[in-house]
């Protein structure tokens, strides 16, 4: 195998992309349960809206990590194609 430190970093990067998606699935379930309650439209919407910013933050983190993955992958591929060392 490769360098153990690099493998740990790679696992951390993958986990950093995967965990926000797991959180999004959980938040979707929580918010869906709230909306399925028959009294949802008759109650104060603040309970629902308290979760709403979390969804946006989760999406921003997920998209940001995905974009970082793309940029780092492109840099590594360019370095490999140029015959240099891996820049990641």
Protein backbone atom coordinates (compact mmCIF):
# COMPACT_ATOMS: atom_id res chain seq x y z
CA UNK A 1 0.00 0.00 0.00
CA UNK A 2 0.96 3.66 0.05
CA UNK A 3 1.91 6.07 2.76
CA UNK A 4 -0.33 5.60 5.86
CA UNK A 5 -0.57 9.37 6.42
CA UNK A 6 -1.82 9.93 2.87
CA UNK A 7 -4.33 7.14 3.27
CA UNK A 8 -5.68 8.74 6.45
CA UNK A 9 -6.02 12.07 4.66
CA UNK A 10 -7.83 10.40 1.77
CA UNK A 11 -10.23 8.63 4.12
CA UNK A 12 -10.86 11.94 5.88
CA UNK A 13 -11.64 13.65 2.59
CA UNK A 14 -14.09 10.95 1.55
CA UNK A 15 -15.74 11.04 4.98
CA UNK A 16 -15.94 14.82 4.70
CA UNK A 17 -17.92 14.45 1.49
CA UNK A 18 -20.08 11.55 2.67
CA UNK A 19 -21.08 12.73 6.16
CA UNK A 20 -22.92 15.87 5.00
CA UNK A 21 -24.99 13.68 2.70
CA UNK A 22 -25.88 11.38 5.59
CA UNK A 23 -26.87 14.45 7.61
CA UNK A 24 -29.00 15.67 4.71
CA UNK A 25 -30.88 12.37 4.55
CA UNK A 26 -31.50 12.57 8.31
CA UNK A 27 -32.67 16.20 8.09
CA UNK A 28 -34.98 15.32 5.20
CA UNK A 29 -36.61 12.63 7.32
CA UNK A 30 -37.01 14.98 10.30
CA UNK A 31 -38.56 17.72 8.21
CA UNK A 32 -40.81 15.28 6.35
CA UNK A 33 -42.17 13.95 9.65
CA UNK A 34 -42.95 17.50 10.71
CA UNK A 35 -44.78 18.24 7.46
CA UNK A 36 -46.78 15.01 7.58
CA UNK A 37 -48.29 16.00 10.93
CA UNK A 38 -51.95 16.98 10.25
CA UNK A 39 -51.56 20.07 12.42
CA UNK A 40 -48.41 21.22 10.60
CA UNK A 41 -50.11 24.07 8.73
CA UNK A 42 -51.98 25.22 11.81
CA UNK A 43 -48.98 25.52 14.12
CA UNK A 44 -46.18 27.99 14.45
CA UNK A 45 -43.75 27.46 11.54
CA UNK A 46 -40.71 28.26 13.72
CA UNK A 47 -40.31 24.59 14.67
CA UNK A 48 -39.96 23.69 11.00
CA UNK A 49 -37.84 26.70 10.17
CA UNK A 50 -35.41 25.91 12.97
CA UNK A 51 -34.13 22.96 10.89
CA UNK A 52 -34.17 24.85 7.60
CA UNK A 53 -30.83 26.71 8.00
CA UNK A 54 -29.19 23.40 8.86
CA UNK A 55 -30.17 22.04 5.48
CA UNK A 56 -28.56 24.99 3.72
CA UNK A 57 -25.36 24.80 5.77
CA UNK A 58 -25.19 21.07 5.09
CA UNK A 59 -25.60 21.64 1.36
CA UNK A 60 -22.92 24.36 1.32
CA UNK A 61 -20.46 22.08 3.10
CA UNK A 62 -21.27 19.19 0.78
CA UNK A 63 -20.94 21.25 -2.41
CA UNK A 64 -17.75 22.93 -1.14
CA UNK A 65 -16.10 19.60 -0.36
CA UNK A 66 -17.20 18.21 -3.71
CA UNK A 67 -15.69 21.18 -5.53
CA UNK A 68 -12.46 20.82 -3.55
CA UNK A 69 -12.34 17.16 -4.53
CA UNK A 70 -12.71 18.07 -8.21
CA UNK A 71 -10.00 20.76 -8.03
CA UNK A 72 -7.56 18.51 -6.16
CA UNK A 73 -8.23 15.62 -8.56
CA UNK A 74 -7.60 17.81 -11.60
CA UNK A 75 -4.34 19.10 -10.11
CA UNK A 76 -3.17 15.58 -9.36
CA UNK A 77 -4.08 14.36 -12.85
CA UNK A 78 -2.28 17.28 -14.48
CA UNK A 79 0.82 16.67 -12.37
CA UNK A 80 0.73 12.98 -13.24
CA UNK A 81 0.28 13.71 -16.95
CA UNK A 82 3.18 16.17 -16.85
CA UNK A 83 5.37 13.50 -15.31
CA UNK A 84 5.76 15.37 -12.05
CA UNK A 85 4.90 14.25 -8.56
CA UNK A 86 1.41 14.10 -7.18
CA UNK A 87 0.47 17.52 -5.75
CA UNK A 88 -2.27 16.26 -3.42
